[in-house]
């Protein structure tokens, strides 16, 4: 969920852990069946060190650009669609999200250890 990066830290961390567990389950099932574990690190339960880099990349490369585009669309179409006021400016809140690499990821990695 792209909007996860805009949610309060405790909610963000909960959903990050949830999606990681889903990815790990996939990797575990692949290993159980004797298949190679999907080559992306999030499917290998043993490679948790990448979490902070992965979240920072997801926010910077996926969430922020998507929300900026949606924000621009809402700004450009204010009054022409069923709008309840100005665009939320969700991308603005991502400035804090990108900085989560040390704080949030540390909490995520520590909580899973």
N, C-alpha and C. Protein backbone atom coordinates (compact mmCIF):
# COMPACT_ATOMS: atom_id res chain seq x y z
N UNK A 1 0.85 -1.17 0.00
CA UNK A 1 0.00 0.00 0.00
C UNK A 1 0.89 1.23 0.00
N UNK A 2 0.80 2.00 -1.05
CA UNK A 2 1.64 3.19 -1.20
C UNK A 2 1.39 4.19 -0.07
N UNK A 3 0.18 4.27 0.41
CA UNK A 3 -0.14 5.25 1.45
C UNK A 3 0.44 4.89 2.81
N UNK A 4 0.91 3.66 2.97
CA UNK A 4 1.47 3.23 4.25
C UNK A 4 2.57 4.18 4.72
N UNK A 5 3.35 4.70 3.78
CA UNK A 5 4.47 5.59 4.13
C UNK A 5 4.01 6.91 4.75
N UNK A 6 2.73 7.23 4.64
CA UNK A 6 2.20 8.47 5.18
C UNK A 6 1.52 8.29 6.54
N UNK A 7 1.44 7.08 6.99
CA UNK A 7 0.71 6.79 8.23
C UNK A 7 1.61 7.02 9.45
N UNK A 8 1.00 7.14 10.63
CA UNK A 8 1.81 7.29 11.85
C UNK A 8 2.81 6.15 11.97
N UNK A 9 3.94 6.43 12.60
CA UNK A 9 5.05 5.47 12.65
C UNK A 9 4.63 4.10 13.16
N UNK A 10 3.84 4.03 14.22
CA UNK A 10 3.47 2.71 14.76
C UNK A 10 2.62 1.93 13.75
N UNK A 11 1.77 2.61 13.00
CA UNK A 11 0.96 1.95 11.97
C UNK A 11 1.86 1.53 10.81
N UNK A 12 2.73 2.43 10.40
CA UNK A 12 3.68 2.15 9.33
C UNK A 12 4.49 0.90 9.66
N UNK A 13 5.03 0.83 10.87
CA UNK A 13 5.86 -0.31 11.27
C UNK A 13 5.05 -1.61 11.32
N UNK A 14 3.81 -1.52 11.80
CA UNK A 14 2.96 -2.71 11.84
C UNK A 14 2.76 -3.28 10.44
N UNK A 15 2.41 -2.43 9.49
CA UNK A 15 2.15 -2.91 8.13
C UNK A 15 3.42 -3.31 7.42
N UNK A 16 4.53 -2.66 7.73
CA UNK A 16 5.81 -3.08 7.15
C UNK A 16 6.14 -4.49 7.61
N UNK A 17 6.01 -4.74 8.90
CA UNK A 17 6.27 -6.09 9.42
C UNK A 17 5.30 -7.11 8.82
N UNK A 18 4.06 -6.71 8.63
CA UNK A 18 3.06 -7.63 8.07
C UNK A 18 3.41 -8.05 6.65
N UNK A 19 3.79 -7.08 5.82
CA UNK A 19 4.11 -7.41 4.43
C UNK A 19 5.41 -8.20 4.37
N UNK A 20 6.36 -7.87 5.25
CA UNK A 20 7.60 -8.65 5.28
C UNK A 20 7.33 -10.09 5.65
N UNK A 21 6.44 -10.31 6.60
CA UNK A 21 6.10 -11.68 7.00
C UNK A 21 5.48 -12.43 5.82
N UNK A 22 4.66 -11.76 5.03
CA UNK A 22 4.08 -12.39 3.85
C UNK A 22 5.18 -12.77 2.85
N UNK A 23 6.13 -11.87 2.64
CA UNK A 23 7.25 -12.18 1.74
C UNK A 23 8.08 -13.34 2.28
N UNK A 24 8.36 -13.33 3.59
CA UNK A 24 9.14 -14.40 4.19
C UNK A 24 8.42 -15.74 4.06
N UNK A 25 7.11 -15.73 4.26
CA UNK A 25 6.33 -16.97 4.10
C UNK A 25 6.49 -17.52 2.69
N UNK A 26 6.49 -16.62 1.69
CA UNK A 26 6.68 -17.07 0.31
C UNK A 26 8.04 -17.73 0.16
N UNK A 27 9.09 -17.08 0.68
CA UNK A 27 10.44 -17.66 0.60
C UNK A 27 10.54 -18.98 1.33
N UNK A 28 9.91 -19.07 2.51
CA UNK A 28 9.91 -20.31 3.28
C UNK A 28 9.24 -21.44 2.48
N UNK A 29 8.13 -21.13 1.84
CA UNK A 29 7.41 -22.14 1.06
C UNK A 29 8.23 -22.57 -0.15
N UNK A 30 8.89 -21.62 -0.79
CA UNK A 30 9.75 -21.97 -1.92
C UNK A 30 10.86 -22.92 -1.46
N UNK A 31 11.50 -22.59 -0.32
CA UNK A 31 12.58 -23.44 0.21
C UNK A 31 12.04 -24.82 0.58
N UNK A 32 10.84 -24.86 1.21
CA UNK A 32 10.24 -26.13 1.61
C UNK A 32 10.00 -27.03 0.41
N UNK A 33 9.66 -26.43 -0.73
CA UNK A 33 9.39 -27.20 -1.94
C UNK A 33 10.65 -27.51 -2.74
N UNK A 34 11.79 -27.08 -2.21
CA UNK A 34 13.05 -27.33 -2.91
C UNK A 34 13.29 -26.39 -4.07
N UNK A 35 12.54 -25.30 -4.12
CA UNK A 35 12.72 -24.31 -5.18
C UNK A 35 13.72 -23.26 -4.73
N UNK A 36 14.36 -22.59 -5.67
CA UNK A 36 15.22 -21.48 -5.26
C UNK A 36 14.35 -20.37 -4.66
N UNK A 37 14.82 -19.77 -3.58
CA UNK A 37 14.08 -18.68 -2.96
C UNK A 37 14.14 -17.48 -3.90
N UNK A 38 13.00 -16.85 -4.09
CA UNK A 38 12.93 -15.67 -4.97
C UNK A 38 14.12 -14.77 -4.67
N UNK A 39 14.76 -14.28 -5.72
CA UNK A 39 16.04 -13.60 -5.57
C UNK A 39 15.97 -12.21 -4.93
N UNK A 40 14.79 -11.68 -4.71
CA UNK A 40 14.71 -10.39 -4.02
C UNK A 40 14.89 -10.63 -2.53
N UNK A 41 15.63 -9.75 -1.85
CA UNK A 41 15.96 -10.03 -0.45
C UNK A 41 14.75 -10.14 0.47
N UNK A 42 13.65 -9.48 0.15
CA UNK A 42 12.52 -9.53 1.08
C UNK A 42 11.87 -10.90 1.19
N UNK A 43 12.24 -11.84 0.34
CA UNK A 43 11.67 -13.18 0.45
C UNK A 43 12.56 -14.13 1.25
N UNK A 44 13.73 -13.66 1.64
CA UNK A 44 14.66 -14.50 2.39
C UNK A 44 14.72 -14.01 3.84
N UNK A 45 14.14 -14.79 4.72
CA UNK A 45 14.03 -14.44 6.13
C UNK A 45 15.39 -14.15 6.76
N UNK A 46 16.45 -14.72 6.20
CA UNK A 46 17.78 -14.54 6.77
C UNK A 46 18.42 -13.20 6.40
N UNK A 47 17.83 -12.43 5.50
CA UNK A 47 18.47 -11.20 5.01
C UNK A 47 17.75 -9.94 5.48
N UNK A 48 17.54 -9.81 6.78
CA UNK A 48 16.80 -8.67 7.33
C UNK A 48 17.59 -7.36 7.30
N UNK A 49 18.88 -7.42 7.07
CA UNK A 49 19.71 -6.21 7.10
C UNK A 49 19.30 -5.21 6.02
N UNK A 50 18.66 -5.62 4.98
CA UNK A 50 18.29 -4.74 3.88
C UNK A 50 17.04 -3.92 4.18
N UNK A 51 16.33 -4.16 5.26
CA UNK A 51 15.01 -3.56 5.48
C UNK A 51 15.05 -2.04 5.39
N UNK A 52 15.96 -1.38 6.08
CA UNK A 52 15.98 0.09 6.07
C UNK A 52 16.24 0.61 4.66
N UNK A 53 17.18 0.01 3.94
CA UNK A 53 17.44 0.46 2.56
C UNK A 53 16.24 0.20 1.67
N UNK A 54 15.60 -0.94 1.85
CA UNK A 54 14.44 -1.26 1.03
C UNK A 54 13.28 -0.32 1.26
N UNK A 55 13.04 0.02 2.52
CA UNK A 55 11.94 0.95 2.82
C UNK A 55 12.24 2.35 2.29
N UNK A 56 13.48 2.79 2.45
CA UNK A 56 13.85 4.11 1.94
C UNK A 56 13.69 4.15 0.42
N UNK A 57 14.12 3.09 -0.26
CA UNK A 57 13.98 3.03 -1.71
C UNK A 57 12.51 3.00 -2.12
N UNK A 58 11.69 2.21 -1.42
CA UNK A 58 10.26 2.14 -1.75
C UNK A 58 9.61 3.52 -1.60
N UNK A 59 9.92 4.20 -0.51
CA UNK A 59 9.34 5.53 -0.29
C UNK A 59 9.80 6.50 -1.37
N UNK A 60 11.10 6.51 -1.65
CA UNK A 60 11.64 7.47 -2.61
C UNK A 60 11.30 7.18 -4.06
N UNK A 61 11.23 5.90 -4.42
CA UNK A 61 11.02 5.53 -5.82
C UNK A 61 9.58 5.21 -6.19
N UNK A 62 8.77 4.82 -5.20
CA UNK A 62 7.39 4.43 -5.50
C UNK A 62 6.38 5.35 -4.81
N UNK A 63 6.42 5.37 -3.48
CA UNK A 63 5.38 6.09 -2.74
C UNK A 63 5.40 7.59 -3.01
N UNK A 64 6.54 8.23 -2.85
CA UNK A 64 6.60 9.68 -3.01
C UNK A 64 6.20 10.13 -4.42
N UNK A 65 6.78 9.55 -5.49
CA UNK A 65 6.36 9.98 -6.83
C UNK A 65 4.87 9.73 -7.10
N UNK A 66 4.35 8.60 -6.61
CA UNK A 66 2.93 8.30 -6.83
C UNK A 66 2.06 9.33 -6.12
N UNK A 67 2.37 9.60 -4.86
CA UNK A 67 1.57 10.56 -4.11
C UNK A 67 1.73 11.98 -4.63
N UNK A 68 2.91 12.34 -5.14
CA UNK A 68 3.10 13.65 -5.75
C UNK A 68 2.23 13.79 -7.00
N UNK A 69 2.16 12.72 -7.80
CA UNK A 69 1.33 12.75 -9.00
C UNK A 69 -0.15 12.87 -8.64
N UNK A 70 -0.58 12.12 -7.63
CA UNK A 70 -1.97 12.21 -7.19
C UNK A 70 -2.27 13.59 -6.62
N UNK A 71 -1.33 14.14 -5.88
CA UNK A 71 -1.50 15.47 -5.31
C UNK A 71 -1.62 16.52 -6.42
N UNK A 72 -0.74 16.42 -7.43
CA UNK A 72 -0.79 17.36 -8.56
C UNK A 72 -2.12 17.24 -9.30
N UNK A 73 -2.58 16.02 -9.48
CA UNK A 73 -3.87 15.81 -10.14
C UNK A 73 -5.00 16.45 -9.33
N UNK A 74 -4.99 16.21 -8.02
CA UNK A 74 -6.04 16.79 -7.17
C UNK A 74 -5.98 18.30 -7.19
N UNK A 75 -4.79 18.88 -7.15
CA UNK A 75 -4.64 20.33 -7.19
C UNK A 75 -5.19 20.88 -8.51
N UNK A 76 -4.82 20.22 -9.61
CA UNK A 76 -5.24 20.68 -10.94
C UNK A 76 -6.74 20.53 -11.16
N UNK A 77 -7.36 19.60 -10.47
CA UNK A 77 -8.77 19.32 -10.68
C UNK A 77 -9.66 19.74 -9.52
N UNK A 78 -9.12 20.52 -8.61
CA UNK A 78 -9.92 20.99 -7.48
C UNK A 78 -11.12 21.76 -8.03
N UNK A 79 -12.28 21.41 -7.57
CA UNK A 79 -13.50 22.07 -8.04
C UNK A 79 -14.12 21.40 -9.25
N UNK A 80 -13.38 20.54 -9.93
CA UNK A 80 -13.94 19.88 -11.11
C UNK A 80 -14.35 18.45 -10.82
N UNK A 81 -13.91 17.93 -9.70
CA UNK A 81 -14.30 16.60 -9.28
C UNK A 81 -14.95 16.73 -7.91
N UNK A 82 -15.49 15.65 -7.41
CA UNK A 82 -16.12 15.68 -6.10
C UNK A 82 -15.04 15.88 -5.04
N UNK A 83 -14.68 17.13 -4.83
CA UNK A 83 -13.58 17.47 -3.93
C UNK A 83 -14.14 18.04 -2.64
N UNK A 84 -13.52 17.68 -1.54
CA UNK A 84 -13.95 18.20 -0.23
C UNK A 84 -12.95 19.23 0.29
N UNK A 85 -12.23 19.87 -0.58
CA UNK A 85 -11.27 20.88 -0.16
C UNK A 85 -9.96 20.68 -0.89
N UNK A 86 -8.92 21.35 -0.42
CA UNK A 86 -7.63 21.25 -1.10
C UNK A 86 -7.05 19.85 -0.99
N UNK A 87 -6.15 19.57 -1.88
CA UNK A 87 -5.48 18.26 -1.85
C UNK A 87 -4.78 18.10 -0.51
N UNK A 88 -4.66 16.88 -0.08
CA UNK A 88 -4.10 16.61 1.23
C UNK A 88 -2.61 16.88 1.33
N UNK A 89 -1.91 16.93 0.21
CA UNK A 89 -0.47 17.14 0.26
C UNK A 89 0.25 15.98 0.91
N UNK A 90 -0.20 14.77 0.65
CA UNK A 90 0.38 13.59 1.30
C UNK A 90 1.86 13.46 1.01
N UNK A 91 2.29 13.89 -0.17
CA UNK A 91 3.71 13.77 -0.51
C UNK A 91 4.56 14.61 0.43
N UNK A 92 4.01 15.71 0.95
CA UNK A 92 4.76 16.54 1.89
C UNK A 92 5.14 15.75 3.13
N UNK A 93 4.26 14.90 3.59
CA UNK A 93 4.54 14.10 4.78
C UNK A 93 5.61 13.06 4.56
N UNK A 94 5.92 12.77 3.30
CA UNK A 94 6.92 11.75 3.02
C UNK A 94 8.33 12.24 3.30
N UNK A 95 8.53 13.54 3.43
CA UNK A 95 9.86 14.02 3.78
C UNK A 95 10.30 13.37 5.08
N UNK A 96 9.36 13.21 6.00
CA UNK A 96 9.67 12.54 7.25
C UNK A 96 9.84 11.05 7.00
N UNK A 97 9.04 10.49 6.12
CA UNK A 97 9.09 9.06 5.84
C UNK A 97 10.44 8.63 5.28
N UNK A 98 11.02 9.43 4.41
CA UNK A 98 12.31 9.07 3.84
C UNK A 98 13.36 9.02 4.93
N UNK A 99 13.21 9.81 5.96
CA UNK A 99 14.15 9.80 7.06
C UNK A 99 13.97 8.63 8.01
N UNK A 100 13.01 7.76 7.74
CA UNK A 100 12.74 6.64 8.63
C UNK A 100 13.80 5.56 8.55
N UNK A 101 14.73 5.67 7.63
CA UNK A 101 15.69 4.59 7.45
C UNK A 101 16.45 4.25 8.73
N UNK A 102 16.77 5.25 9.54
CA UNK A 102 17.50 4.92 10.77
C UNK A 102 16.55 4.64 11.92
N UNK A 103 15.51 5.42 12.06
CA UNK A 103 14.60 5.27 13.21
C UNK A 103 13.64 4.11 13.04
N UNK A 104 12.86 4.13 11.98
CA UNK A 104 11.83 3.12 11.79
C UNK A 104 12.43 1.75 11.52
N UNK A 105 13.39 1.74 10.64
CA UNK A 105 13.96 0.44 10.29
C UNK A 105 14.67 -0.17 11.48
N UNK A 106 15.32 0.65 12.28
CA UNK A 106 15.99 0.11 13.46
C UNK A 106 14.95 -0.52 14.38
N UNK A 107 13.82 0.15 14.54
CA UNK A 107 12.74 -0.41 15.36
C UNK A 107 12.19 -1.67 14.75
N UNK A 108 12.06 -1.68 13.42
CA UNK A 108 11.54 -2.85 12.73
C UNK A 108 12.49 -4.03 12.90
N UNK A 109 13.77 -3.77 12.66
CA UNK A 109 14.74 -4.86 12.73
C UNK A 109 14.91 -5.34 14.16
N UNK A 110 14.91 -4.41 15.12
CA UNK A 110 15.08 -4.80 16.51
C UNK A 110 13.88 -5.60 17.00
N UNK A 111 12.68 -5.17 16.56
CA UNK A 111 11.48 -5.85 17.01
C UNK A 111 11.38 -7.27 16.50
N UNK A 112 12.04 -7.55 15.39
CA UNK A 112 11.94 -8.87 14.81
C UNK A 112 13.05 -9.80 15.30
N UNK A 113 14.04 -9.24 15.95
CA UNK A 113 15.18 -10.05 16.37
C UNK A 113 14.80 -10.97 17.51
